[in-house]
Protein backbone atom coordinates (compact mmCIF):
# COMPACT_ATOMS: atom_id res chain seq x y z
CA MET A 1 92.50 -41.09 81.61
CA GLU A 2 94.85 -38.40 80.28
CA ILE A 3 94.79 -35.49 82.35
CA HIS A 4 94.87 -32.00 80.49
CA LEU A 5 98.43 -30.39 80.74
CA ALA A 6 99.74 -27.73 78.35
CA LEU A 7 103.28 -26.77 78.29
CA HIS A 8 104.08 -23.66 76.09
CA ASP A 9 107.68 -23.68 75.73
CA ARG A 10 110.69 -26.17 77.55
CA HIS A 11 111.46 -23.72 80.16
CA ASP A 12 110.74 -24.52 84.06
CA LEU A 13 109.04 -27.58 82.77
CA ALA A 14 108.36 -28.44 86.43
CA GLY A 15 107.37 -25.24 87.48
CA GLN A 16 104.64 -25.10 84.74
CA ILE A 17 103.36 -29.00 85.67
CA TYR A 18 103.45 -28.18 89.46
CA ARG A 19 101.01 -24.60 89.13
CA GLN A 20 98.69 -26.80 86.35
CA LEU A 21 98.02 -29.79 88.86
CA LEU A 22 98.32 -27.51 92.07
CA ALA A 23 95.39 -25.15 90.42
CA GLY A 24 93.53 -28.10 89.05
CA ILE A 25 93.21 -29.21 92.72
CA LEU A 26 92.25 -25.84 94.21
CA ASP A 27 89.49 -25.08 91.80
CA GLY A 28 87.80 -28.52 92.00
CA ARG A 29 88.80 -29.98 88.28
CA LEU A 30 90.85 -32.43 90.03
CA SER A 31 88.15 -33.55 92.99
CA ALA A 32 89.35 -35.22 96.43
CA GLY A 33 90.11 -38.70 96.17
CA GLU A 34 90.85 -38.77 92.51
CA ARG A 35 93.73 -40.74 91.07
CA LEU A 36 96.31 -39.14 89.01
CA PRO A 37 98.04 -40.80 86.38
CA SER A 38 101.40 -42.34 87.08
CA THR A 39 104.62 -40.27 86.95
CA ARG A 40 105.66 -42.48 84.31
CA ASP A 41 102.54 -42.12 81.84
CA LEU A 42 102.22 -38.17 82.74
CA ALA A 43 105.89 -38.33 81.85
CA ILE A 44 105.13 -40.15 78.37
CA GLN A 45 102.00 -37.73 77.71
CA LEU A 46 103.96 -34.50 77.96
CA ASP A 47 107.30 -36.04 75.91
CA VAL A 48 109.20 -34.97 79.62
CA SER A 49 111.60 -37.04 81.47
CA ARG A 50 110.22 -38.88 84.11
CA LYS A 51 112.33 -36.98 86.75
CA THR A 52 110.52 -33.99 86.10
CA THR A 53 107.41 -35.56 86.80
CA LEU A 54 108.56 -37.15 89.92
CA GLU A 55 110.30 -33.52 91.01
CA VAL A 56 106.39 -32.28 90.74
CA PHE A 57 104.37 -35.29 92.42
CA GLU A 58 107.44 -35.16 95.50
CA ARG A 59 106.77 -31.40 95.97
CA LEU A 60 102.71 -31.82 96.05
CA ILE A 61 102.93 -34.78 98.29
CA GLY A 62 105.34 -32.68 100.68
CA GLU A 63 102.43 -30.19 100.45
CA GLY A 64 99.77 -31.94 101.52
CA TYR A 65 97.97 -32.10 98.31
CA LEU A 66 98.84 -35.41 97.34
CA LEU A 67 99.47 -38.92 98.37
CA THR A 68 100.49 -42.33 97.52
CA ARG A 69 98.96 -46.00 98.61
CA PRO A 70 101.71 -48.48 97.89
CA GLY A 71 100.56 -50.57 95.27
CA ALA A 72 97.19 -48.72 93.68
CA GLY A 73 98.94 -45.07 92.80
CA THR A 74 98.88 -41.12 93.51
CA TYR A 75 95.80 -39.44 94.68
CA VAL A 76 94.38 -35.97 95.50
CA VAL A 77 94.04 -35.81 99.49
CA GLU A 78 90.58 -35.44 100.56
CA GLY A 79 89.32 -32.68 102.92
CA LEU A 80 91.55 -29.90 101.90
CA LEU A 81 90.53 -26.81 103.55
CA GLY A 82 90.23 -23.46 101.45
CA SER A 83 89.47 -25.91 98.22
CA PRO A 84 86.47 -23.99 96.67
CA SER A 85 83.04 -25.71 95.59
CA SER A 86 82.30 -26.07 91.93
CA THR A 87 79.87 -23.47 92.48
CA ALA A 88 83.04 -20.87 93.17
CA ARG A 89 84.61 -21.83 89.95
CA LEU A 90 82.27 -19.57 87.92
CA ARG A 91 83.93 -17.09 85.72
CA THR A 92 82.75 -13.69 85.20
CA THR A 93 81.68 -13.68 81.38
CA ARG A 94 79.68 -11.45 78.86
CA ALA A 95 77.70 -14.31 76.72
CA ALA A 96 74.29 -13.88 77.26
CA PRO A 97 71.27 -15.65 76.02
CA ALA A 98 68.45 -14.56 73.85
CA ALA A 99 66.01 -12.48 75.22
CA VAL A 100 63.48 -15.41 74.98
CA TRP A 101 65.47 -17.16 77.34
CA LYS A 102 65.81 -15.11 80.29
CA GLN A 103 61.57 -14.79 80.27
CA LEU A 104 60.85 -18.47 80.04
CA SER A 105 59.97 -20.62 83.05
CA LEU A 106 59.27 -24.16 82.80
CA VAL A 107 56.29 -23.88 85.32
CA LEU A 108 55.52 -27.84 85.19
CA ASP A 109 57.34 -29.25 87.75
CA ALA A 110 57.52 -33.05 86.88
CA PRO A 111 58.17 -35.55 89.93
CA GLN A 112 62.03 -35.36 90.40
CA LYS A 113 63.97 -38.03 92.36
CA THR A 114 65.54 -35.30 94.32
CA PHE A 115 62.11 -34.94 96.24
CA LYS A 116 60.93 -38.40 97.68
CA PRO A 117 57.79 -37.90 99.69
CA THR A 118 56.10 -40.72 101.41
CA PHE A 119 52.90 -40.40 99.56
CA ASP A 120 53.41 -39.07 96.14
CA LEU A 121 50.12 -37.94 93.93
CA ARG A 122 51.99 -35.91 91.88
CA GLY A 123 50.91 -36.60 88.12
CA GLY A 124 53.07 -37.55 84.85
CA VAL A 125 54.68 -40.63 85.98
CA THR A 126 53.65 -44.13 85.93
CA ASP A 127 54.22 -47.22 88.20
CA LYS A 128 57.42 -49.25 87.50
CA ARG A 129 56.66 -51.76 89.62
CA LEU A 130 53.75 -52.73 87.08
CA PHE A 131 56.56 -52.98 84.41
CA PRO A 132 57.74 -56.59 83.27
CA PHE A 133 61.46 -55.77 83.17
CA ASP A 134 62.28 -59.24 82.71
CA ALA A 135 60.78 -59.41 79.47
CA TRP A 136 62.07 -55.92 78.71
CA ARG A 137 65.67 -57.63 79.59
CA ARG A 138 65.27 -60.28 76.88
CA CYS A 139 64.69 -57.33 74.43
CA ILE A 140 67.44 -55.39 75.42
CA ASN A 141 69.61 -58.57 75.01
CA HIS A 142 68.27 -59.25 71.60
CA ALA A 143 68.95 -55.76 70.62
CA LEU A 144 72.72 -55.94 71.80
CA ARG A 145 73.10 -59.06 70.13
CA MET A 146 71.92 -57.59 66.74
CA GLN A 147 73.78 -54.54 67.28
CA ALA A 148 77.00 -56.79 67.87
CA ARG A 149 76.21 -58.30 64.30
CA GLU A 150 76.47 -54.85 62.43
CA LEU A 151 78.98 -52.74 61.20
CA GLY A 152 79.21 -49.38 63.50
CA ALA A 153 76.80 -46.89 61.56
CA TYR A 154 74.62 -44.03 62.47
CA GLY A 155 71.17 -44.95 62.05
CA PRO A 156 68.19 -43.35 59.95
CA PRO A 157 66.81 -40.04 61.54
CA GLU A 158 63.06 -41.25 60.81
CA GLY A 159 63.82 -44.31 63.16
CA GLU A 160 64.56 -47.93 63.02
CA GLN A 161 62.48 -49.59 60.49
CA ALA A 162 61.26 -52.01 63.31
CA LEU A 163 59.98 -49.66 65.43
CA ARG A 164 58.22 -47.58 63.24
CA LEU A 165 56.35 -50.99 61.88
CA ALA A 166 55.35 -51.55 65.47
CA VAL A 167 54.25 -48.15 65.75
CA SER A 168 52.23 -48.22 62.92
CA ARG A 169 50.57 -51.18 63.30
CA TYR A 170 49.77 -50.21 67.19
CA LEU A 171 48.44 -47.40 66.07
CA ALA A 172 45.77 -48.80 63.45
CA PHE A 173 44.84 -51.33 66.11
CA SER A 174 44.21 -49.25 68.86
CA ARG A 175 44.04 -45.63 67.98
CA ALA A 176 42.55 -45.92 64.54
CA VAL A 177 45.37 -44.16 62.89
CA THR A 178 45.89 -44.97 59.72
CA CYS A 179 49.46 -44.85 58.56
CA ASN A 180 52.33 -46.77 56.88
CA TRP A 181 55.81 -47.34 59.14
CA GLN A 182 57.39 -44.96 56.70
CA ASP A 183 54.97 -42.32 57.91
CA VAL A 184 55.95 -42.61 61.58
CA ILE A 185 59.16 -40.70 62.92
CA VAL A 186 60.84 -41.77 66.01
CA THR A 187 61.49 -39.31 68.64
CA GLN A 188 63.13 -38.56 71.98
CA GLY A 189 59.75 -38.43 73.78
CA ALA A 190 56.47 -36.09 73.14
CA GLN A 191 58.39 -33.04 73.45
CA GLN A 192 60.74 -33.75 70.58
CA ALA A 193 58.00 -34.58 68.36
CA ILE A 194 56.20 -31.04 69.32
CA ASP A 195 59.61 -29.15 68.88
CA LEU A 196 60.12 -30.68 65.41
CA THR A 197 56.58 -29.82 64.80
CA ALA A 198 57.07 -26.20 65.76
CA ARG A 199 60.27 -26.21 63.99
CA VAL A 200 58.76 -27.07 60.35
CA VAL A 201 55.62 -25.12 60.15
CA LEU A 202 56.34 -21.84 62.27
CA GLN A 203 57.94 -18.72 61.55
CA ALA A 204 59.35 -16.30 63.77
CA GLY A 205 56.28 -13.77 64.77
CA ASP A 206 53.33 -16.71 64.19
CA VAL A 207 50.41 -17.12 65.76
CA VAL A 208 50.19 -20.66 68.16
CA ALA A 209 46.77 -21.59 69.71
CA VAL A 210 47.04 -23.43 72.98
CA GLU A 211 44.73 -24.89 75.24
CA ASP A 212 43.90 -22.92 78.48
CA PRO A 213 44.79 -24.29 80.90
CA GLY A 214 47.38 -26.47 79.04
CA TYR A 215 50.99 -28.23 79.24
CA PRO A 216 53.45 -25.36 79.91
CA PRO A 217 56.38 -27.09 78.09
CA ALA A 218 54.23 -27.36 74.62
CA ARG A 219 53.82 -23.19 75.66
CA ALA A 220 57.79 -22.64 76.35
CA CYS A 221 58.68 -24.57 73.04
CA PHE A 222 56.77 -22.42 71.01
CA THR A 223 57.98 -19.50 72.73
CA ALA A 224 61.17 -20.36 72.47
CA LEU A 225 61.39 -20.47 68.73
CA GLY A 226 59.95 -16.99 68.56
CA ALA A 227 55.95 -17.53 68.10
CA LYS A 228 53.45 -15.42 69.88
CA VAL A 229 51.03 -17.86 72.15
CA VAL A 230 47.47 -17.40 72.43
CA PRO A 231 45.54 -18.85 75.10
CA VAL A 232 42.49 -20.52 73.80
CA ALA A 233 39.66 -21.52 76.65
CA VAL A 234 37.90 -25.17 76.90
CA ASP A 235 34.83 -26.10 78.37
CA ALA A 236 33.06 -29.68 79.01
CA GLN A 237 33.69 -30.17 75.49
CA GLY A 238 37.37 -29.14 75.07
CA LEU A 239 38.92 -26.44 73.01
CA ILE A 240 36.75 -23.47 72.20
CA VAL A 241 37.12 -23.57 68.45
CA ASP A 242 35.16 -20.31 68.03
CA GLN A 243 37.71 -18.64 70.11
CA LEU A 244 40.76 -19.51 67.73
CA PRO A 245 42.67 -16.58 66.63
CA LYS A 246 42.25 -16.46 63.06
CA GLN A 247 45.72 -15.91 61.90
CA ALA A 248 46.76 -18.89 64.24
CA ARG A 249 49.25 -20.81 62.06
CA LEU A 250 49.52 -23.74 64.51
CA VAL A 251 46.81 -25.36 67.21
CA TYR A 252 48.07 -27.63 70.06
CA VAL A 253 45.33 -29.61 71.40
CA THR A 254 45.20 -32.33 73.86
CA PRO A 255 41.67 -34.17 72.57
CA SER A 256 41.78 -37.65 74.26
CA HIS A 257 42.21 -36.44 77.58
CA GLN A 258 42.69 -32.61 77.50
CA PHE A 259 45.47 -31.46 79.85
CA PRO A 260 44.94 -31.21 82.65
CA LEU A 261 41.51 -30.95 83.23
CA GLY A 262 40.63 -34.24 81.49
CA MET A 263 37.74 -34.05 79.28
CA PRO A 264 37.99 -35.68 75.84
CA MET A 265 37.03 -33.42 73.05
CA SER A 266 33.73 -33.88 71.62
CA LEU A 267 33.28 -35.07 67.91
CA GLU A 268 31.32 -31.85 67.03
CA ARG A 269 34.24 -29.94 68.30
CA ARG A 270 37.08 -31.91 66.78
CA ILE A 271 35.20 -31.86 63.10
CA ALA A 272 34.54 -28.14 63.84
CA LEU A 273 38.72 -27.83 64.57
CA LEU A 274 38.88 -29.77 61.34
CA ALA A 275 36.85 -27.51 59.03
CA TRP A 276 38.38 -24.38 60.89
CA ALA A 277 42.41 -25.80 60.39
CA ARG A 278 41.40 -26.62 56.48
CA GLU A 279 39.80 -23.28 55.65
CA ARG A 280 43.20 -21.37 56.91
CA ASP A 281 45.84 -24.28 55.88
CA ALA A 282 46.85 -24.27 59.56
CA VAL A 283 48.46 -27.62 61.25
CA ILE A 284 46.78 -28.95 64.21
CA ILE A 285 49.23 -30.96 66.96
CA GLU A 286 47.15 -33.86 68.50
CA ASP A 287 49.13 -34.77 71.85
CA ASP A 288 47.72 -38.06 72.99
CA TYR A 289 49.98 -38.50 75.66
CA ASP A 290 47.96 -40.96 77.94
CA GLY A 291 45.00 -41.85 75.72
CA GLU A 292 45.56 -45.52 76.01
CA PHE A 293 44.02 -45.72 79.58
CA ARG A 294 40.36 -44.88 78.80
CA PHE A 295 37.89 -46.14 81.31
CA ASP A 296 34.50 -44.82 80.44
CA GLY A 297 32.79 -43.86 77.60
CA ARG A 298 32.99 -44.70 73.95
CA PRO A 299 36.14 -44.10 72.39
CA LEU A 300 36.08 -41.54 69.80
CA ASP A 301 37.52 -40.65 66.41
CA SER A 302 41.33 -39.12 66.47
CA LEU A 303 41.83 -36.02 64.76
CA LYS A 304 44.15 -37.62 62.74
CA SER A 305 41.53 -40.09 61.57
CA LEU A 306 39.19 -37.85 60.46
CA ASP A 307 41.62 -35.76 59.05
CA GLN A 308 41.17 -35.65 55.28
CA ALA A 309 42.89 -32.56 54.21
CA GLY A 310 46.34 -33.45 55.47
CA LEU A 311 46.58 -30.94 58.52
CA VAL A 312 47.10 -33.21 61.53
CA ALA A 313 50.76 -34.16 63.24
CA TYR A 314 49.57 -37.08 65.86
CA ILE A 315 52.07 -37.29 68.60
CA GLY A 316 52.23 -40.13 70.79
CA THR A 317 54.85 -41.09 73.92
CA PHE A 318 56.18 -44.10 75.57
CA SER A 319 56.40 -41.97 78.86
CA LYS A 320 53.20 -42.66 80.23
CA THR A 321 52.56 -46.12 79.45
CA ILE A 322 56.43 -47.69 79.99
CA PHE A 323 58.38 -45.53 82.26
CA PRO A 324 59.67 -41.98 81.56
CA GLU A 325 63.27 -42.61 81.55
CA LEU A 326 62.89 -44.75 78.38
CA ARG A 327 62.46 -41.25 75.94
CA ILE A 328 60.69 -42.49 72.91
CA GLY A 329 57.99 -40.95 71.44
CA TYR A 330 56.57 -40.48 68.09
CA VAL A 331 54.93 -38.29 65.63
CA VAL A 332 53.01 -39.08 62.57
CA PRO A 333 53.28 -35.77 60.25
CA PRO A 334 51.09 -34.57 57.47
CA LEU A 335 52.38 -36.45 54.42
CA SER A 336 53.30 -33.37 53.17
CA LEU A 337 55.70 -32.12 55.76
CA LEU A 338 57.49 -36.11 56.27
CA SER A 339 60.37 -34.83 54.56
CA SER A 340 60.95 -31.78 56.25
CA PHE A 341 60.33 -33.37 59.29
CA ALA A 342 63.05 -35.96 58.50
CA LYS A 343 65.41 -33.25 58.14
CA ALA A 344 64.83 -31.31 61.26
CA LYS A 345 65.35 -34.56 63.19
CA ALA A 346 68.69 -35.08 61.44
CA ILE A 347 69.47 -31.68 62.50
CA ASN A 348 68.17 -32.07 65.71
CA ASP A 349 70.03 -34.62 67.16
CA LEU A 350 70.49 -37.07 64.24
CA HIS A 351 68.66 -40.11 65.21
CA SER A 352 67.62 -41.31 68.73
CA CYS A 353 69.27 -44.25 70.29
CA THR A 354 69.00 -47.37 67.97
CA LEU A 355 69.61 -49.62 70.96
CA THR A 356 66.30 -48.60 72.76
CA GLN A 357 64.70 -48.49 69.17
CA THR A 358 65.39 -52.02 68.39
CA ALA A 359 64.55 -53.59 72.12
CA LEU A 360 61.01 -51.44 72.23
CA ALA A 361 60.47 -53.06 68.90
CA ARG A 362 61.02 -56.37 69.75
CA PHE A 363 58.79 -55.60 72.96
CA MET A 364 56.05 -54.62 70.89
CA LEU A 365 56.27 -57.11 68.46
CA ASP A 366 56.26 -59.88 70.47
CA GLY A 367 52.91 -59.21 72.63
CA TYR A 368 54.92 -57.71 75.83
CA PHE A 369 53.66 -54.03 75.23
CA ALA A 370 49.83 -55.21 74.66
CA LYS A 371 50.03 -57.38 77.77
CA HIS A 372 51.81 -54.87 80.04
CA LEU A 373 49.04 -52.05 78.91
CA ARG A 374 46.39 -54.60 79.97
CA ARG A 375 47.87 -54.94 83.01
CA ALA A 376 48.47 -51.68 84.08
CA HIS A 377 44.94 -50.34 82.54
CA ARG A 378 43.62 -52.85 85.65
CA HIS A 379 45.78 -50.96 88.24
CA TYR A 380 44.74 -47.91 86.96
CA ALA A 381 41.33 -48.05 86.72
CA ALA A 382 41.24 -49.41 91.02
CA ARG A 383 43.37 -46.43 91.46
CA ARG A 384 40.94 -44.15 89.84
CA GLN A 385 38.30 -45.11 91.31
CA SER A 386 40.00 -44.86 94.95
CA VAL A 387 40.80 -41.22 94.17
CA LEU A 388 37.04 -40.48 93.20
CA ALA A 389 35.94 -42.46 96.20
CA HIS A 390 38.06 -40.46 98.44
CA LEU A 391 37.13 -36.96 96.84
CA SER A 392 33.07 -37.92 96.99
CA GLY A 393 33.56 -38.73 100.40
CA GLU A 394 34.94 -36.71 103.15
CA LEU A 395 37.13 -34.47 101.03
CA GLY A 396 34.20 -33.76 98.84
CA GLN A 397 33.54 -30.69 101.56
CA TRP A 398 36.80 -29.01 100.07
CA PHE A 399 37.09 -30.63 96.39
CA GLU A 400 34.80 -30.73 93.20
CA PRO A 401 36.42 -33.62 91.01
CA ILE A 402 36.42 -33.57 87.00
CA ILE A 403 35.84 -36.90 86.39
CA PRO A 404 37.78 -38.17 83.11
CA ALA A 405 37.17 -41.01 81.01
CA ALA A 406 40.59 -41.45 80.58
CA GLY A 407 44.61 -41.00 81.69
CA ILE A 408 46.33 -41.48 84.63
CA HIS A 409 45.39 -38.57 86.61
CA LEU A 410 42.34 -36.14 87.82
CA VAL A 411 41.95 -32.60 88.28
CA ALA A 412 39.95 -31.82 91.61
CA ARG A 413 38.68 -27.77 91.87
CA MET A 414 39.22 -26.06 95.12
CA ASN A 415 36.07 -24.56 96.91
CA ALA A 416 37.83 -24.52 100.32
CA SER A 417 38.63 -21.11 102.25
CA VAL A 418 42.40 -21.66 102.40
CA THR A 419 44.66 -20.98 99.20
CA GLU A 420 45.91 -23.43 96.68
CA ALA A 421 49.59 -22.78 97.51
CA ARG A 422 48.94 -23.26 101.09
CA VAL A 423 47.22 -26.79 100.46
CA VAL A 424 50.23 -27.72 98.22
CA GLU A 425 52.98 -26.43 100.85
CA VAL A 426 51.34 -27.80 104.05
CA ALA A 427 51.15 -31.16 102.48
CA ALA A 428 54.74 -31.03 101.13
CA ASP A 429 55.57 -30.51 104.89
CA ALA A 430 53.98 -33.64 105.65
CA SER A 431 55.44 -35.79 103.12
CA LEU A 432 52.66 -35.78 100.84
CA GLY A 433 53.18 -34.75 97.13
CA LEU A 434 50.85 -32.69 95.26
CA PHE A 435 50.69 -30.48 92.20
CA GLY A 436 48.96 -27.29 92.12
CA LEU A 437 46.06 -26.48 89.03
CA SER A 438 46.88 -22.42 88.85
CA ALA A 439 50.55 -23.16 87.27
CA LEU A 440 48.91 -24.70 84.38
CA TYR A 441 46.80 -21.57 83.07
CA VAL A 442 48.14 -18.65 81.02
CA GLY A 443 44.95 -16.74 81.83
CA ALA A 444 43.03 -16.08 85.09
CA PRO A 445 43.56 -19.74 87.07
CA GLN A 446 40.77 -21.60 88.79
CA PRO A 447 42.36 -23.16 92.03
CA GLY A 448 42.75 -26.85 92.36
CA LEU A 449 44.87 -30.01 92.91
CA LEU A 450 45.93 -32.48 90.18
CA PHE A 451 45.79 -36.06 91.83
CA GLY A 452 48.06 -38.58 90.19
CA TYR A 453 47.21 -41.92 90.62
CA GLY A 454 50.39 -43.66 88.05
CA ARG A 455 52.84 -44.14 90.70
CA SER A 456 50.94 -45.32 93.84
CA ASP A 457 48.82 -48.07 94.62
CA VAL A 458 45.16 -48.20 96.02
CA SER A 459 46.44 -48.83 99.55
CA GLU A 460 48.93 -45.87 99.27
CA ILE A 461 46.30 -43.35 97.83
CA ASP A 462 44.11 -44.22 100.55
CA ALA A 463 46.74 -43.39 103.15
CA ALA A 464 47.68 -40.49 101.48
CA LEU A 465 44.41 -38.77 101.11
CA LYS A 466 43.32 -39.92 104.84
CA VAL A 467 46.33 -37.80 105.23
CA LEU A 468 45.01 -34.71 103.18
CA GLY A 469 41.76 -35.11 104.86
CA GLY A 470 43.44 -34.57 108.38
CA LEU A 471 45.42 -31.49 106.90
CA MET A 472 42.30 -29.95 105.44
CA ARG A 473 40.80 -30.13 108.77
CA LYS A 474 43.04 -28.81 110.04
CA MET A 475 43.72 -25.57 108.17
CA ALA A 476 40.18 -25.01 108.00
CA GLY A 477 39.92 -24.63 111.68
CA GLU A 478 42.79 -22.16 111.78
CA VAL A 479 40.69 -20.05 109.40
C-alpha cells in the first residue's frame, strides 16, 4: 500500500521525507516489523528521484530505525527503545461529546473474548458447538455464487427479498405473527431494530416506559436519543400496566420471556397493554429475543398477533438462535410506519450485509434453521433442568430460582449473607463467569444471579455449580 507522505514544496525533499518517516516510526503509525514501500515505488508515488528516496532509507538504516532483508524489502526495526505506545499518541482536543454521552454507561457486560473463565454461566450467548457449520458453509458458498453473477450495486434498505420472505414464513408458522414479506425490515441485530423504532417514533423529551428490571442497552438507546426513560415495575404477570406513565409515547417490553426475570406476560396484561396504547396512540416495542426456546406451558399469543390498531413493532434476532457474531435481526413495524423505517434504515447504514442475508435466507428456506432449532431446544432443555436441579439442591440454601417457561437463562434471587458483588468477584477469581442481577434495575435492586445455560453443556454446568457451592460454603463460613 502507499504510505501517506506530503511534500509541501520542492526544497529539501530528502529532509521532508526523512522527518515524516521518522515521526511515523516514533509515534507508532509505522509499527515495528512493518514493511515499507521500495525506494522505487516511493519515488514514483512522491514524484521524486530514486536517488532521493535511497538517501532517506540509507540514513534511517544507518540510525537503526530500518533494516533491509535481502530479497524481502525494507522493514521497521523491532524493539526500538523510546517508541511510545499507541496510548501515548493521544492529542489534546477541544472536541467534546454531547452531554448525554458522558452520562451513559452500558452496564450489560456481554461475554467478551478477553475473559475466558473455565466455567462460563454468563447469559446472552448460545453454544456454537451445536450449530451446523457445514450446512452454513454451503449456504455461504451459494451466496457467493449468486453475488458473483450480479453487477455490483447497493441492496434495498429493507433487506434482501429472499430473507424477508423466509422471516415472514417463519414468524407466521412459529410465532403466529401474520405479515407479508414486504412488512419485514432486516436489521443489524435487535439493537438496531430498537434504535430504528426509537428514531422513527420519538422526539427529544418524549417519555419511554421500560420494564424494571430490564434490558440496559435499550434504555441507553432511548436516553441517547433524548427521551425521558421511566422504569415500570414487573410482577409475576409481567409489566404492571396500571403503573405506566400516561404521557408515554413508547413502551418497551419483553413479553415472551421477561428480561431478565423470565416470566411471560399474561394474556390479561397483554390485552390491557394493547388497550392502553390504543387509547393514547402509543407505540409498543415487542422484543422477542429468545422466545424460540419454550419449555413449559402453552404458548401465548404475541402482542403483534393481538394488535388490531397497528401499534406494535415486533423485533426478533438470530443472535440467540444461531450465534452473536451474525448480527442479523429484523423488525415488523406498524404498517403506518413502514416507509419511515425504510428511510431510517437507509440513513443509518444503507443496508445490512447482502452476502450474509442471502446465505441466511438459503439456510432458512432449505430447512436447516428449523432442524437446528429442534436440536438446540433438546440441549437447552437438559441444561435448564441441570441448573434447576442444583438450585433446588445444595444451592437452594442461598438462592431462590425464578423458573422461566422459555429462554436460555434463568434468574435466582439471593438470600445469602454475602453480597451479590462479592459472589461475582470470588467466582471470577475461581475462573467462574457469573452475572449479577442488580445492574439490570433502574430502581431499588434485588440481589441475585443470572445463570446462562446457552454456552455450557450439562457436564460443564454441573462442574461450575459444584464450584459455586464450594465458594458459597466458604464465604458463608467467613461471615
